[in-house]
Amino acid sequence: DWAPDDPTVQAAGEGLGVWSLVAELPAGYYEFKAAINGTWDENYGLDGTAGGDNIPLTLAADAAVTFHYDRATNAVWATVDGAVVAGAAPAE
């Protein structure tokens, strides 16, 4: 959902400045980015760029997708079963 103030799409902190949100999604094409503090005033997209392009995500099958945002690097990515499927996780 593209409404950043919608309480159903708010990420929760995992600790160490990483936030995540799990969503059950049907197969299909999606785009996403991280909106900060419930507005589009501060947001991060492809390659962690402020105001950057949406990150494309294509699912061949229904999946539980975990969306991640790392506040230290502004990296935004998505995983399915722990594997990165869109965006880029920060280097460890």
Protein backbone atom coordinates (compact mmCIF):
# COMPACT_ATOMS: atom_id res chain seq x y z
CA ASP A 1 0.00 0.00 0.00
CA TRP A 2 1.41 3.39 -0.95
CA ALA A 3 -0.09 5.28 2.01
CA PRO A 4 2.92 5.72 4.34
CA ASP A 5 0.70 6.80 7.24
CA ASP A 6 -1.38 3.56 7.09
CA PRO A 7 -0.76 1.72 10.39
CA THR A 8 -0.95 -1.67 8.64
CA VAL A 9 2.21 -0.96 6.64
CA GLN A 10 4.43 0.33 9.45
CA ALA A 11 7.72 -1.52 9.86
CA ALA A 12 8.94 -2.67 13.26
CA GLY A 13 12.48 -2.34 14.58
CA GLU A 14 14.64 -5.45 14.54
CA GLY A 15 17.34 -3.70 16.55
CA LEU A 16 20.55 -2.04 15.41
CA GLY A 17 18.54 0.41 13.27
CA VAL A 18 17.03 -2.19 10.93
CA TRP A 19 13.28 -2.15 10.39
CA SER A 20 11.16 -4.84 8.74
CA LEU A 21 7.63 -5.60 7.63
CA VAL A 22 6.28 -8.99 6.52
CA ALA A 23 3.52 -9.09 3.90
CA GLU A 24 1.77 -12.05 2.29
CA LEU A 25 1.67 -11.16 -1.41
CA PRO A 26 0.17 -12.94 -4.39
CA ALA A 27 2.31 -13.61 -7.45
CA GLY A 28 2.74 -10.46 -9.53
CA TYR A 29 4.75 -7.30 -10.10
CA TYR A 30 5.28 -4.74 -7.33
CA GLU A 31 7.32 -1.62 -6.58
CA PHE A 32 8.39 -0.41 -3.14
CA LYS A 33 10.56 2.03 -1.18
CA ALA A 34 10.89 3.11 2.44
CA ALA A 35 8.93 6.15 3.65
CA ILE A 36 10.16 7.55 6.96
CA ASN A 37 7.90 8.79 9.80
CA GLY A 38 4.64 8.12 7.95
CA THR A 39 5.15 10.63 5.11
CA TRP A 40 6.91 10.85 1.74
CA ASP A 41 8.96 13.85 2.95
CA GLU A 42 11.90 11.52 3.65
CA ASN A 43 12.02 8.32 1.60
CA TYR A 44 14.63 5.94 0.19
CA GLY A 45 14.44 3.86 -2.94
CA LEU A 46 16.71 1.99 -5.31
CA ASP A 47 20.31 1.82 -4.08
CA GLY A 48 19.29 3.59 -0.84
CA THR A 49 18.99 6.89 -2.68
CA ALA A 50 17.01 9.63 -0.95
CA GLY A 51 13.87 10.20 -3.04
CA GLY A 52 15.19 7.47 -5.36
CA ASP A 53 13.40 5.29 -7.86
CA ASN A 54 10.96 2.63 -6.70
CA ILE A 55 12.49 -0.83 -6.28
CA PRO A 56 10.93 -3.43 -8.61
CA LEU A 57 9.84 -6.80 -7.24
CA THR A 58 8.41 -9.67 -9.30
CA LEU A 59 7.01 -12.75 -7.58
CA ALA A 60 6.49 -15.89 -9.66
CA ALA A 61 4.40 -17.42 -6.86
CA ASP A 62 2.55 -16.27 -3.75
CA ALA A 63 5.06 -15.53 -0.98
CA ALA A 64 5.63 -14.09 2.46
CA VAL A 65 7.89 -11.14 1.63
CA THR A 66 9.93 -9.38 4.30
CA PHE A 67 10.72 -5.76 3.47
CA HIS A 68 13.80 -4.29 5.22
CA TYR A 69 15.18 -0.80 5.80
CA ASP A 70 18.57 -0.07 7.39
CA ARG A 71 18.64 3.42 8.93
CA ALA A 72 22.46 3.56 9.03
CA THR A 73 22.91 2.97 5.29
CA ASN A 74 19.40 3.75 3.99
CA ALA A 75 19.49 0.39 2.19
CA VAL A 76 16.07 -0.99 1.26
CA TRP A 77 15.53 -4.60 0.22
CA ALA A 78 13.10 -7.50 0.23
CA THR A 79 13.63 -11.15 1.12
CA VAL A 80 11.68 -14.37 0.70
CA ASP A 81 12.76 -17.25 2.95
CA GLY A 82 15.87 -15.23 3.88
CA ALA A 83 17.07 -14.76 0.28
CA VAL A 84 17.26 -11.24 -1.16
CA VAL A 85 14.77 -10.96 -4.03
CA ALA A 86 14.81 -7.18 -4.65
CA GLY A 87 16.96 -4.21 -3.69
CA ALA A 88 20.31 -4.68 -2.00
CA ALA A 89 21.06 -5.47 1.61
CA PRO A 90 23.95 -3.50 3.14
CA ALA A 91 27.33 -5.20 3.10
CA GLU A 92 28.19 -6.81 6.40
